[in-house]
N, C-alpha and C. Protein backbone atom coordinates (compact mmCIF):
# COMPACT_ATOMS: atom_id res chain seq x y z
N UNK A 1 141.12 108.12 125.24
CA UNK A 1 140.27 108.71 124.21
C UNK A 1 138.86 108.95 124.76
N UNK A 2 138.27 107.97 125.42
CA UNK A 2 137.02 108.12 126.16
C UNK A 2 135.91 108.82 125.37
N UNK A 3 135.41 108.18 124.30
CA UNK A 3 134.34 108.74 123.47
C UNK A 3 132.99 108.15 123.88
N UNK A 4 131.93 108.95 123.71
CA UNK A 4 130.59 108.51 124.09
C UNK A 4 129.87 107.76 122.97
N UNK A 5 130.14 108.17 121.71
CA UNK A 5 129.43 107.62 120.56
C UNK A 5 130.44 107.02 119.61
N UNK A 6 130.30 105.74 119.31
CA UNK A 6 131.28 105.03 118.50
C UNK A 6 130.61 104.53 117.23
N UNK A 7 131.12 104.98 116.09
CA UNK A 7 130.56 104.66 114.79
C UNK A 7 131.43 103.58 114.15
N UNK A 8 130.85 102.45 113.83
CA UNK A 8 131.60 101.33 113.27
C UNK A 8 131.29 101.13 111.80
N UNK A 9 132.34 101.01 111.00
CA UNK A 9 132.20 100.46 109.66
C UNK A 9 131.75 99.01 109.80
N UNK A 10 131.25 98.43 108.72
CA UNK A 10 130.79 97.03 108.77
C UNK A 10 131.81 96.08 108.13
N UNK A 11 131.92 96.10 106.80
CA UNK A 11 132.81 95.17 106.11
C UNK A 11 134.27 95.48 106.45
N UNK A 12 134.97 94.48 106.98
CA UNK A 12 136.36 94.66 107.32
C UNK A 12 136.60 95.20 108.71
N UNK A 13 135.53 95.53 109.41
CA UNK A 13 135.65 96.05 110.77
C UNK A 13 134.87 95.20 111.75
N UNK A 14 133.60 94.97 111.46
CA UNK A 14 132.79 94.08 112.29
C UNK A 14 132.79 92.66 111.72
N UNK A 15 132.68 92.56 110.39
CA UNK A 15 132.62 91.23 109.77
C UNK A 15 133.58 91.11 108.60
N UNK A 16 134.02 89.88 108.34
CA UNK A 16 134.85 89.56 107.19
C UNK A 16 133.94 89.10 106.06
N UNK A 17 133.60 90.04 105.21
CA UNK A 17 132.66 89.77 104.13
C UNK A 17 133.36 89.44 102.82
N UNK A 18 134.68 89.36 102.82
CA UNK A 18 135.45 89.21 101.58
C UNK A 18 135.02 88.03 100.72
N UNK A 19 134.77 86.83 101.28
CA UNK A 19 134.43 85.70 100.39
C UNK A 19 133.23 85.97 99.50
N UNK A 20 132.15 86.46 100.06
CA UNK A 20 130.95 86.71 99.27
C UNK A 20 131.08 87.91 98.35
N UNK A 21 131.68 88.99 98.84
CA UNK A 21 131.80 90.21 98.05
C UNK A 21 132.70 90.00 96.84
N UNK A 22 133.86 89.41 97.04
CA UNK A 22 134.79 89.25 95.92
C UNK A 22 134.26 88.27 94.87
N UNK A 23 133.53 87.26 95.32
CA UNK A 23 132.94 86.32 94.36
C UNK A 23 131.88 87.03 93.50
N UNK A 24 131.06 87.87 94.15
CA UNK A 24 130.03 88.61 93.41
C UNK A 24 130.66 89.62 92.46
N UNK A 25 131.72 90.29 92.89
CA UNK A 25 132.43 91.23 92.01
C UNK A 25 132.99 90.52 90.78
N UNK A 26 133.59 89.35 91.00
CA UNK A 26 134.17 88.61 89.89
C UNK A 26 133.12 88.29 88.84
N UNK A 27 131.94 87.87 89.27
CA UNK A 27 130.86 87.56 88.33
C UNK A 27 130.34 88.82 87.64
N UNK A 28 130.28 89.93 88.39
CA UNK A 28 129.81 91.19 87.81
C UNK A 28 130.77 91.67 86.72
N UNK A 29 132.06 91.58 86.99
CA UNK A 29 133.06 91.99 86.00
C UNK A 29 133.03 91.07 84.78
N UNK A 30 132.84 89.79 85.04
CA UNK A 30 132.75 88.81 83.95
C UNK A 30 131.62 89.17 82.99
N UNK A 31 130.53 89.68 83.53
CA UNK A 31 129.36 90.01 82.71
C UNK A 31 129.61 91.15 81.74
N UNK A 32 130.65 91.95 82.00
CA UNK A 32 130.98 93.06 81.10
C UNK A 32 132.35 92.84 80.44
N UNK A 33 132.81 91.58 80.45
CA UNK A 33 134.01 91.22 79.71
C UNK A 33 135.33 91.48 80.40
N UNK A 34 135.30 91.62 81.73
CA UNK A 34 136.53 91.84 82.50
C UNK A 34 136.76 90.61 83.37
N UNK A 35 137.92 90.01 83.25
CA UNK A 35 138.18 88.74 83.93
C UNK A 35 139.13 88.95 85.11
N UNK A 36 138.62 88.77 86.30
CA UNK A 36 139.42 88.89 87.52
C UNK A 36 138.99 87.79 88.50
N UNK A 37 139.96 87.09 89.06
CA UNK A 37 139.66 86.07 90.05
C UNK A 37 139.30 86.73 91.39
N UNK A 38 138.41 86.12 92.17
CA UNK A 38 138.02 86.70 93.47
C UNK A 38 139.21 87.03 94.37
N UNK A 39 140.25 86.20 94.36
CA UNK A 39 141.39 86.43 95.25
C UNK A 39 142.18 87.68 94.88
N UNK A 40 141.93 88.25 93.71
CA UNK A 40 142.63 89.47 93.29
C UNK A 40 141.80 90.73 93.49
N UNK A 41 140.69 90.60 94.20
CA UNK A 41 139.73 91.71 94.27
C UNK A 41 139.60 92.33 95.65
N UNK A 42 140.58 92.16 96.51
CA UNK A 42 140.48 92.72 97.86
C UNK A 42 140.37 94.25 97.86
N UNK A 43 140.89 94.90 96.82
CA UNK A 43 140.86 96.36 96.80
C UNK A 43 139.44 96.92 96.68
N UNK A 44 138.48 96.09 96.27
CA UNK A 44 137.11 96.60 96.13
C UNK A 44 136.39 96.66 97.48
N UNK A 45 137.00 96.11 98.51
CA UNK A 45 136.35 96.06 99.82
C UNK A 45 136.51 97.40 100.53
N UNK A 46 135.40 98.10 100.68
CA UNK A 46 135.45 99.39 101.36
C UNK A 46 134.64 100.46 100.66
N UNK A 47 135.02 100.84 99.43
CA UNK A 47 134.28 101.92 98.75
C UNK A 47 132.94 101.45 98.20
N UNK A 48 132.07 102.40 97.83
CA UNK A 48 130.78 102.03 97.23
C UNK A 48 130.96 101.21 95.96
N UNK A 49 129.98 100.39 95.66
CA UNK A 49 130.03 99.44 94.56
C UNK A 49 130.27 100.12 93.21
N UNK A 50 129.51 101.15 92.88
CA UNK A 50 129.65 101.80 91.58
C UNK A 50 131.01 102.47 91.44
N UNK A 51 131.53 103.00 92.54
CA UNK A 51 132.85 103.64 92.54
C UNK A 51 133.92 102.62 92.16
N UNK A 52 133.88 101.44 92.79
CA UNK A 52 134.89 100.42 92.52
C UNK A 52 134.83 99.94 91.07
N UNK A 53 133.64 99.72 90.57
CA UNK A 53 133.50 99.20 89.21
C UNK A 53 134.04 100.19 88.17
N UNK A 54 133.79 101.47 88.38
CA UNK A 54 134.23 102.48 87.41
C UNK A 54 135.67 102.91 87.65
N UNK A 55 136.04 103.13 88.91
CA UNK A 55 137.37 103.67 89.22
C UNK A 55 138.47 102.62 89.07
N UNK A 56 138.24 101.44 89.57
CA UNK A 56 139.28 100.42 89.56
C UNK A 56 139.33 99.61 88.28
N UNK A 57 138.16 99.43 87.63
CA UNK A 57 138.12 98.53 86.48
C UNK A 57 137.65 99.19 85.18
N UNK A 58 137.33 100.47 85.25
CA UNK A 58 136.97 101.19 84.04
C UNK A 58 135.69 100.73 83.38
N UNK A 59 134.75 100.21 84.16
CA UNK A 59 133.47 99.80 83.58
C UNK A 59 132.77 101.04 83.03
N UNK A 60 132.48 101.08 81.73
CA UNK A 60 131.85 102.27 81.14
C UNK A 60 130.40 102.45 81.62
N UNK A 61 129.94 103.68 81.55
CA UNK A 61 128.61 104.03 82.06
C UNK A 61 127.52 103.16 81.45
N UNK A 62 127.66 102.84 80.15
CA UNK A 62 126.59 102.09 79.49
C UNK A 62 126.55 100.62 79.92
N UNK A 63 127.60 100.14 80.58
CA UNK A 63 127.62 98.75 81.05
C UNK A 63 127.48 98.64 82.58
N UNK A 64 127.43 99.78 83.24
CA UNK A 64 127.43 99.77 84.70
C UNK A 64 126.20 99.08 85.26
N UNK A 65 125.03 99.36 84.70
CA UNK A 65 123.81 98.74 85.22
C UNK A 65 123.84 97.22 85.08
N UNK A 66 124.43 96.71 83.99
CA UNK A 66 124.55 95.26 83.81
C UNK A 66 125.40 94.65 84.92
N UNK A 67 126.55 95.27 85.17
CA UNK A 67 127.44 94.77 86.22
C UNK A 67 126.79 94.84 87.59
N UNK A 68 126.10 95.93 87.86
CA UNK A 68 125.43 96.09 89.15
C UNK A 68 124.35 95.03 89.33
N UNK A 69 123.59 94.77 88.28
CA UNK A 69 122.51 93.78 88.37
C UNK A 69 123.06 92.38 88.66
N UNK A 70 124.15 92.02 87.98
CA UNK A 70 124.75 90.70 88.19
C UNK A 70 125.30 90.60 89.61
N UNK A 71 125.98 91.65 90.05
CA UNK A 71 126.52 91.64 91.42
C UNK A 71 125.40 91.43 92.44
N UNK A 72 124.37 92.22 92.32
CA UNK A 72 123.28 92.16 93.32
C UNK A 72 122.54 90.83 93.25
N UNK A 73 122.38 90.29 92.05
CA UNK A 73 121.72 89.00 91.91
C UNK A 73 122.47 87.92 92.68
N UNK A 74 123.78 87.87 92.50
CA UNK A 74 124.56 86.84 93.19
C UNK A 74 124.66 87.15 94.68
N UNK A 75 124.93 88.40 95.00
CA UNK A 75 125.19 88.76 96.39
C UNK A 75 123.94 88.62 97.26
N UNK A 76 122.81 89.01 96.70
CA UNK A 76 121.58 89.00 97.50
C UNK A 76 120.76 87.73 97.24
N UNK A 77 120.42 87.49 95.98
CA UNK A 77 119.51 86.39 95.67
C UNK A 77 120.17 85.03 95.88
N UNK A 78 121.47 84.93 95.58
CA UNK A 78 122.17 83.65 95.72
C UNK A 78 122.81 83.46 97.09
N UNK A 79 122.67 84.45 97.97
CA UNK A 79 123.10 84.27 99.34
C UNK A 79 124.55 84.58 99.66
N UNK A 80 125.30 85.21 98.73
CA UNK A 80 126.70 85.52 99.01
C UNK A 80 126.83 86.53 100.15
N UNK A 81 125.76 87.26 100.41
CA UNK A 81 125.74 88.20 101.54
C UNK A 81 126.13 87.53 102.84
N UNK A 82 125.79 86.24 102.98
CA UNK A 82 126.05 85.53 104.23
C UNK A 82 127.29 84.65 104.18
N UNK A 83 128.07 84.78 103.09
CA UNK A 83 129.41 84.18 103.08
C UNK A 83 130.31 85.17 103.81
N UNK A 84 130.20 85.16 105.09
CA UNK A 84 130.59 86.29 105.93
C UNK A 84 130.78 85.76 107.34
N UNK A 85 131.57 86.42 108.16
CA UNK A 85 131.73 85.98 109.55
C UNK A 85 132.14 87.17 110.42
N UNK A 86 131.75 87.12 111.67
CA UNK A 86 132.15 88.15 112.63
C UNK A 86 133.59 87.90 113.04
N UNK A 87 134.39 88.95 113.03
CA UNK A 87 135.80 88.79 113.42
C UNK A 87 135.91 88.34 114.87
N UNK A 88 136.88 87.48 115.18
CA UNK A 88 137.09 87.05 116.57
C UNK A 88 137.29 88.25 117.49
N UNK A 89 136.60 88.24 118.60
CA UNK A 89 136.73 89.30 119.59
C UNK A 89 135.81 90.48 119.39
N UNK A 90 135.16 90.57 118.22
CA UNK A 90 134.32 91.74 117.94
C UNK A 90 133.04 91.75 118.76
N UNK A 91 132.37 90.59 118.88
CA UNK A 91 131.13 90.60 119.66
C UNK A 91 131.42 90.92 121.12
N UNK A 92 132.50 90.41 121.66
CA UNK A 92 132.88 90.74 123.04
C UNK A 92 133.17 92.23 123.16
N UNK A 93 133.83 92.81 122.16
CA UNK A 93 134.09 94.24 122.14
C UNK A 93 132.79 95.03 122.22
N UNK A 94 131.83 94.67 121.38
CA UNK A 94 130.54 95.38 121.36
C UNK A 94 129.82 95.22 122.69
N UNK A 95 129.86 94.01 123.24
CA UNK A 95 129.20 93.76 124.52
C UNK A 95 129.82 94.62 125.62
N UNK A 96 131.14 94.69 125.65
CA UNK A 96 131.82 95.44 126.69
C UNK A 96 131.59 96.95 126.54
N UNK A 97 131.60 97.44 125.31
CA UNK A 97 131.34 98.86 125.09
C UNK A 97 129.91 99.23 125.47
N UNK A 98 128.98 98.35 125.12
CA UNK A 98 127.57 98.58 125.45
C UNK A 98 127.39 98.62 126.96
N UNK A 99 128.01 97.69 127.65
CA UNK A 99 127.92 97.65 129.11
C UNK A 99 128.56 98.87 129.75
N UNK A 100 129.57 99.42 129.07
CA UNK A 100 130.26 100.61 129.58
C UNK A 100 129.49 101.89 129.29
N UNK A 101 128.32 101.77 128.68
CA UNK A 101 127.45 102.92 128.46
C UNK A 101 127.71 103.69 127.18
N UNK A 102 128.52 103.13 126.27
CA UNK A 102 128.76 103.82 125.00
C UNK A 102 127.58 103.59 124.05
N UNK A 103 127.31 104.60 123.23
CA UNK A 103 126.28 104.47 122.20
C UNK A 103 126.98 103.99 120.93
N UNK A 104 126.48 102.91 120.34
CA UNK A 104 127.13 102.30 119.20
C UNK A 104 126.26 102.43 117.95
N UNK A 105 126.93 102.69 116.83
CA UNK A 105 126.25 102.90 115.55
C UNK A 105 127.02 102.15 114.46
N UNK A 106 126.30 101.56 113.51
CA UNK A 106 126.92 101.04 112.30
C UNK A 106 126.79 102.11 111.23
N UNK A 107 127.92 102.44 110.57
CA UNK A 107 127.92 103.43 109.49
C UNK A 107 128.70 102.83 108.33
N UNK A 108 127.98 102.33 107.34
CA UNK A 108 128.58 101.56 106.25
C UNK A 108 128.15 102.10 104.89
N UNK A 109 129.02 101.93 103.89
CA UNK A 109 128.65 102.29 102.52
C UNK A 109 127.80 101.20 101.86
N UNK A 110 127.65 100.05 102.53
CA UNK A 110 126.77 98.99 102.03
C UNK A 110 125.33 99.48 102.07
N UNK A 111 124.49 98.94 101.20
CA UNK A 111 123.10 99.37 101.12
C UNK A 111 122.39 99.19 102.45
N UNK A 112 121.52 100.12 102.78
CA UNK A 112 120.86 100.15 104.09
C UNK A 112 120.23 98.81 104.48
N UNK A 113 119.45 98.23 103.60
CA UNK A 113 118.76 96.99 103.94
C UNK A 113 119.74 95.83 104.14
N UNK A 114 120.88 95.88 103.43
CA UNK A 114 121.87 94.81 103.57
C UNK A 114 122.65 94.96 104.87
N UNK A 115 122.90 96.19 105.27
CA UNK A 115 123.53 96.43 106.58
C UNK A 115 122.66 95.81 107.67
N UNK A 116 121.39 96.11 107.63
CA UNK A 116 120.47 95.60 108.65
C UNK A 116 120.40 94.08 108.60
N UNK A 117 120.39 93.51 107.40
CA UNK A 117 120.29 92.05 107.26
C UNK A 117 121.51 91.36 107.86
N UNK A 118 122.70 91.88 107.60
CA UNK A 118 123.92 91.26 108.12
C UNK A 118 123.99 91.37 109.63
N UNK A 119 123.72 92.55 110.15
CA UNK A 119 123.81 92.76 111.60
C UNK A 119 122.79 91.87 112.33
N UNK A 120 121.60 91.76 111.78
CA UNK A 120 120.58 90.92 112.43
C UNK A 120 120.89 89.43 112.27
N UNK A 121 121.47 89.07 111.12
CA UNK A 121 121.85 87.67 110.90
C UNK A 121 122.82 87.19 111.96
N UNK A 122 123.76 88.05 112.33
CA UNK A 122 124.74 87.67 113.34
C UNK A 122 124.31 88.07 114.76
N UNK A 123 123.07 88.54 114.89
CA UNK A 123 122.47 88.88 116.19
C UNK A 123 123.29 89.92 116.96
N UNK A 124 123.77 90.90 116.20
CA UNK A 124 124.51 91.98 116.82
C UNK A 124 123.64 93.22 117.03
N UNK A 125 122.43 93.20 116.50
CA UNK A 125 121.57 94.39 116.55
C UNK A 125 121.26 94.91 117.95
N UNK A 126 121.21 94.08 119.01
CA UNK A 126 120.91 94.66 120.33
C UNK A 126 121.96 95.65 120.82
N UNK A 127 123.15 95.62 120.24
CA UNK A 127 124.21 96.51 120.70
C UNK A 127 124.12 97.91 120.09
N UNK A 128 123.33 98.06 119.03
CA UNK A 128 123.40 99.31 118.26
C UNK A 128 122.16 100.19 118.42
N UNK A 129 122.42 101.49 118.55
CA UNK A 129 121.35 102.48 118.58
C UNK A 129 120.82 102.77 117.17
N UNK A 130 121.70 102.61 116.18
CA UNK A 130 121.33 102.94 114.80
C UNK A 130 122.18 102.11 113.85
N UNK A 131 121.56 101.62 112.78
CA UNK A 131 122.29 100.95 111.70
C UNK A 131 122.09 101.78 110.44
N UNK A 132 123.15 102.35 109.91
CA UNK A 132 123.06 103.26 108.77
C UNK A 132 123.86 102.74 107.59
N UNK A 133 123.25 102.80 106.41
CA UNK A 133 123.93 102.40 105.19
C UNK A 133 123.58 103.35 104.07
N UNK A 134 123.99 103.01 102.87
CA UNK A 134 123.72 103.88 101.73
C UNK A 134 122.28 103.71 101.25
N UNK A 135 121.79 104.75 100.59
CA UNK A 135 120.45 104.74 100.01
C UNK A 135 120.48 105.68 98.81
N UNK A 136 120.68 105.10 97.64
CA UNK A 136 120.84 105.93 96.45
C UNK A 136 119.60 106.75 96.13
N UNK A 137 118.44 106.26 96.52
CA UNK A 137 117.20 106.97 96.18
C UNK A 137 117.12 108.32 96.86
N UNK A 138 117.80 108.48 97.99
CA UNK A 138 117.79 109.77 98.69
C UNK A 138 119.15 110.46 98.59
N UNK A 139 120.03 109.94 97.72
CA UNK A 139 121.32 110.57 97.50
C UNK A 139 122.33 110.33 98.59
N UNK A 140 122.28 109.16 99.21
CA UNK A 140 123.22 108.81 100.28
C UNK A 140 124.05 107.61 99.83
N UNK A 141 125.29 107.86 99.40
CA UNK A 141 126.10 106.76 98.88
C UNK A 141 127.51 106.75 99.45
N UNK A 142 128.13 107.90 99.64
CA UNK A 142 129.51 107.93 100.14
C UNK A 142 129.53 107.78 101.66
N UNK A 143 130.71 107.49 102.19
CA UNK A 143 130.84 107.37 103.65
C UNK A 143 130.51 108.71 104.33
N UNK A 144 130.94 109.81 103.72
CA UNK A 144 130.61 111.13 104.29
C UNK A 144 129.10 111.32 104.38
N UNK A 145 128.37 110.93 103.34
CA UNK A 145 126.92 111.12 103.33
C UNK A 145 126.24 110.22 104.36
N UNK A 146 126.75 108.99 104.51
CA UNK A 146 126.21 108.10 105.52
C UNK A 146 126.44 108.67 106.91
N UNK A 147 127.63 109.18 107.15
CA UNK A 147 127.95 109.75 108.46
C UNK A 147 127.13 111.01 108.74
N UNK A 148 126.89 111.80 107.72
CA UNK A 148 126.06 112.98 107.91
C UNK A 148 124.63 112.57 108.30
N UNK A 149 124.14 111.50 107.69
CA UNK A 149 122.83 110.97 108.04
C UNK A 149 122.81 110.53 109.52
N UNK A 150 123.88 109.87 109.96
CA UNK A 150 123.98 109.44 111.36
C UNK A 150 123.95 110.65 112.29
N UNK A 151 124.76 111.65 111.96
CA UNK A 151 124.84 112.86 112.80
C UNK A 151 123.47 113.52 112.93
N UNK A 152 122.73 113.57 111.84
CA UNK A 152 121.40 114.20 111.85
C UNK A 152 120.36 113.32 112.53
N UNK A 153 120.52 112.01 112.45
CA UNK A 153 119.50 111.09 112.95
C UNK A 153 119.55 110.91 114.45
N UNK A 154 120.73 110.90 115.05
CA UNK A 154 120.80 110.56 116.48
C UNK A 154 120.16 111.62 117.39
N UNK A 155 120.40 112.90 117.31
CA UNK A 155 121.52 113.57 116.64
C UNK A 155 122.76 113.54 117.53
N UNK A 156 123.89 114.04 116.96
CA UNK A 156 125.14 114.12 117.72
C UNK A 156 125.49 115.60 117.86
N UNK A 157 125.17 116.22 118.99
CA UNK A 157 125.40 117.67 119.13
C UNK A 157 126.87 118.04 119.22
N UNK A 158 127.70 117.15 119.76
CA UNK A 158 129.12 117.43 119.93
C UNK A 158 129.92 116.35 119.22
N UNK A 159 130.41 116.67 118.02
CA UNK A 159 131.13 115.67 117.23
C UNK A 159 132.45 115.28 117.88
N UNK A 160 132.93 116.09 118.79
CA UNK A 160 134.14 115.75 119.52
C UNK A 160 133.96 114.58 120.46
N UNK A 161 132.71 114.21 120.75
CA UNK A 161 132.42 113.07 121.63
C UNK A 161 132.20 111.79 120.84
N UNK A 162 132.35 111.87 119.51
CA UNK A 162 132.16 110.69 118.65
C UNK A 162 133.49 110.28 118.05
N UNK A 163 133.56 109.03 117.58
CA UNK A 163 134.74 108.53 116.88
C UNK A 163 134.30 107.50 115.84
N UNK A 164 134.94 107.54 114.68
CA UNK A 164 134.69 106.56 113.62
C UNK A 164 135.73 105.46 113.71
N UNK A 165 135.30 104.20 113.62
CA UNK A 165 136.20 103.06 113.64
C UNK A 165 136.06 102.32 112.32
N UNK A 166 137.18 102.18 111.59
CA UNK A 166 137.11 101.50 110.30
C UNK A 166 138.45 100.96 109.86
N UNK A 167 138.43 100.20 108.78
CA UNK A 167 139.64 99.52 108.31
C UNK A 167 140.22 100.10 107.04
N UNK A 168 139.54 101.07 106.40
CA UNK A 168 140.02 101.62 105.13
C UNK A 168 140.09 103.14 105.19
N UNK A 169 140.81 103.70 104.24
CA UNK A 169 140.98 105.14 104.19
C UNK A 169 139.64 105.86 103.98
N UNK A 170 138.69 105.20 103.33
CA UNK A 170 137.39 105.81 103.07
C UNK A 170 136.67 106.13 104.38
N UNK A 171 136.83 105.28 105.37
CA UNK A 171 136.22 105.52 106.68
C UNK A 171 136.84 106.76 107.34
N UNK A 172 138.16 106.82 107.28
CA UNK A 172 138.88 107.92 107.93
C UNK A 172 138.60 109.25 107.22
N UNK A 173 138.66 109.23 105.90
CA UNK A 173 138.45 110.46 105.13
C UNK A 173 137.02 110.96 105.24
N UNK A 174 136.06 110.04 105.22
CA UNK A 174 134.66 110.45 105.36
C UNK A 174 134.40 111.10 106.70
N UNK A 175 134.96 110.51 107.77
CA UNK A 175 134.79 111.09 109.10
C UNK A 175 135.46 112.44 109.21
N UNK A 176 136.64 112.57 108.62
CA UNK A 176 137.40 113.82 108.69
C UNK A 176 136.63 114.98 108.08
N UNK A 177 135.88 114.71 107.02
CA UNK A 177 135.11 115.77 106.36
C UNK A 177 134.02 116.34 107.26
N UNK A 178 133.63 115.59 108.27
CA UNK A 178 132.63 116.07 109.22
C UNK A 178 133.25 116.51 110.54
N UNK A 179 134.56 116.40 110.63
CA UNK A 179 135.23 116.78 111.87
C UNK A 179 135.17 115.72 112.95
N UNK A 180 134.98 114.45 112.54
CA UNK A 180 134.92 113.34 113.48
C UNK A 180 136.27 112.62 113.46
N UNK A 181 136.92 112.43 114.60
CA UNK A 181 138.19 111.69 114.60
C UNK A 181 137.95 110.23 114.24
N UNK A 182 139.01 109.56 113.79
CA UNK A 182 138.88 108.17 113.35
C UNK A 182 140.00 107.31 113.91
N UNK A 183 139.65 106.07 114.21
CA UNK A 183 140.60 105.05 114.63
C UNK A 183 140.61 103.95 113.57
N UNK A 184 141.79 103.56 113.13
CA UNK A 184 141.90 102.49 112.15
C UNK A 184 142.14 101.15 112.81
N UNK A 185 141.60 100.08 112.21
CA UNK A 185 141.82 98.72 112.73
C UNK A 185 142.55 97.91 111.66
N UNK A 186 143.44 97.02 112.13
CA UNK A 186 144.30 96.28 111.21
C UNK A 186 143.86 94.85 110.94
N UNK A 187 142.70 94.44 111.46
CA UNK A 187 142.27 93.07 111.18
C UNK A 187 141.41 93.00 109.91
N UNK A 188 141.17 94.14 109.27
CA UNK A 188 140.33 94.18 108.08
C UNK A 188 141.14 94.17 106.79
N UNK A 189 140.78 95.08 105.85
CA UNK A 189 141.33 95.02 104.51
C UNK A 189 142.32 96.13 104.18
N UNK A 190 142.51 97.06 105.10
CA UNK A 190 143.49 98.11 104.88
C UNK A 190 144.81 97.77 105.56
N UNK A 191 145.71 98.75 105.63
CA UNK A 191 146.97 98.56 106.32
C UNK A 191 147.34 99.82 107.09
N UNK A 192 148.35 99.73 107.89
CA UNK A 192 148.71 100.84 108.77
C UNK A 192 149.03 102.11 107.98
N UNK A 193 149.83 101.97 106.92
CA UNK A 193 150.23 103.15 106.16
C UNK A 193 149.03 103.84 105.53
N UNK A 194 148.12 103.05 104.97
CA UNK A 194 146.91 103.63 104.37
C UNK A 194 146.11 104.43 105.39
N UNK A 195 145.94 103.87 106.57
CA UNK A 195 145.11 104.50 107.60
C UNK A 195 145.78 105.75 108.17
N UNK A 196 147.07 105.68 108.40
CA UNK A 196 147.80 106.84 108.93
C UNK A 196 147.82 107.96 107.89
N UNK A 197 148.08 107.61 106.64
CA UNK A 197 148.11 108.62 105.58
C UNK A 197 146.77 109.32 105.41
N UNK A 198 145.68 108.57 105.65
CA UNK A 198 144.34 109.15 105.54
C UNK A 198 143.99 110.05 106.71
N UNK A 199 144.76 109.93 107.82
CA UNK A 199 144.53 110.81 108.96
C UNK A 199 143.99 110.17 110.21
N UNK A 200 144.08 108.84 110.30
CA UNK A 200 143.61 108.17 111.53
C UNK A 200 144.42 108.67 112.73
N UNK A 201 143.72 108.97 113.81
CA UNK A 201 144.41 109.47 115.01
C UNK A 201 145.12 108.35 115.76
N UNK A 202 144.59 107.11 115.63
CA UNK A 202 145.20 105.93 116.24
C UNK A 202 144.96 104.74 115.32
N UNK A 203 145.82 103.74 115.41
CA UNK A 203 145.64 102.49 114.68
C UNK A 203 145.85 101.35 115.67
N UNK A 204 144.91 100.39 115.70
CA UNK A 204 144.99 99.29 116.66
C UNK A 204 145.00 97.95 115.94
N UNK A 205 145.52 96.94 116.62
CA UNK A 205 145.67 95.63 116.01
C UNK A 205 144.61 94.62 116.44
N UNK A 206 144.00 94.81 117.60
CA UNK A 206 143.04 93.83 118.12
C UNK A 206 141.81 94.52 118.69
N UNK A 207 140.67 93.81 118.74
CA UNK A 207 139.49 94.37 119.39
C UNK A 207 139.72 94.76 120.84
N UNK A 208 140.52 94.00 121.56
CA UNK A 208 140.79 94.34 122.96
C UNK A 208 141.55 95.65 123.07
N UNK A 209 142.51 95.84 122.18
CA UNK A 209 143.26 97.09 122.17
C UNK A 209 142.33 98.26 121.85
N UNK A 210 141.39 98.02 120.96
CA UNK A 210 140.42 99.07 120.62
C UNK A 210 139.56 99.42 121.82
N UNK A 211 139.09 98.42 122.54
CA UNK A 211 138.28 98.69 123.74
C UNK A 211 139.06 99.54 124.74
N UNK A 212 140.29 99.17 124.99
CA UNK A 212 141.09 99.90 125.97
C UNK A 212 141.32 101.34 125.53
N UNK A 213 141.50 101.55 124.22
CA UNK A 213 141.68 102.90 123.70
C UNK A 213 140.40 103.72 123.85
N UNK A 214 139.27 103.14 123.46
CA UNK A 214 138.01 103.89 123.46
C UNK A 214 137.52 104.21 124.86
N UNK A 215 137.90 103.41 125.83
CA UNK A 215 137.43 103.63 127.19
C UNK A 215 138.50 104.25 128.09
N UNK A 216 139.64 104.61 127.51
CA UNK A 216 140.70 105.21 128.30
C UNK A 216 140.33 106.65 128.65
N UNK A 217 140.36 107.02 129.92
CA UNK A 217 140.01 108.39 130.30
C UNK A 217 140.93 109.40 129.63
N UNK A 218 140.35 110.53 129.25
CA UNK A 218 141.16 111.59 128.64
C UNK A 218 142.12 112.14 129.68
N UNK A 219 143.35 112.52 129.26
CA UNK A 219 144.32 113.05 130.22
C UNK A 219 143.88 114.40 130.77
């Protein structure tokens, strides 16, 4: 595959954020009268927060701000953001790609400041040229919009030299809309069928397999 610029999703790709995210979602849903245990909320991992609350649970518009406020209060103020861990092998993957001269970027639907906080908390920031997340104030919320921001910010003149790496269909579909190929990873929250159906060009099971794919010379 041999790509120069590698765009990484965050939740489910670089870190396992499920414990903190699902706990915060459960409390947010509780605040609007919807009862779901954290262990039943894995499907919310990946898409933007407001999308999950409305699409998956039918939270009405008039209650959305209440749910969002409760989620953010627990996730940020109560520290659930750091109920999180780097997947085994991921830091070595980043180190090896960086040493191999690849440009690395974080491209996440998580809020911009939270992306930066998580990456710096785990001391992964030296590996990345750019950390990009959502910013509702400027109209950047979907994965496609985040990726467009990345393309404009670096900039990336040849999208054929870039690749998106993620664990959910949202990563693959967002990249596809910009003409960026995508590789799916199976250590996160999606599955092989989801990623292939969304259009992933390759699906890998381990960080080492991903490294070998990304650095394999083109035929």
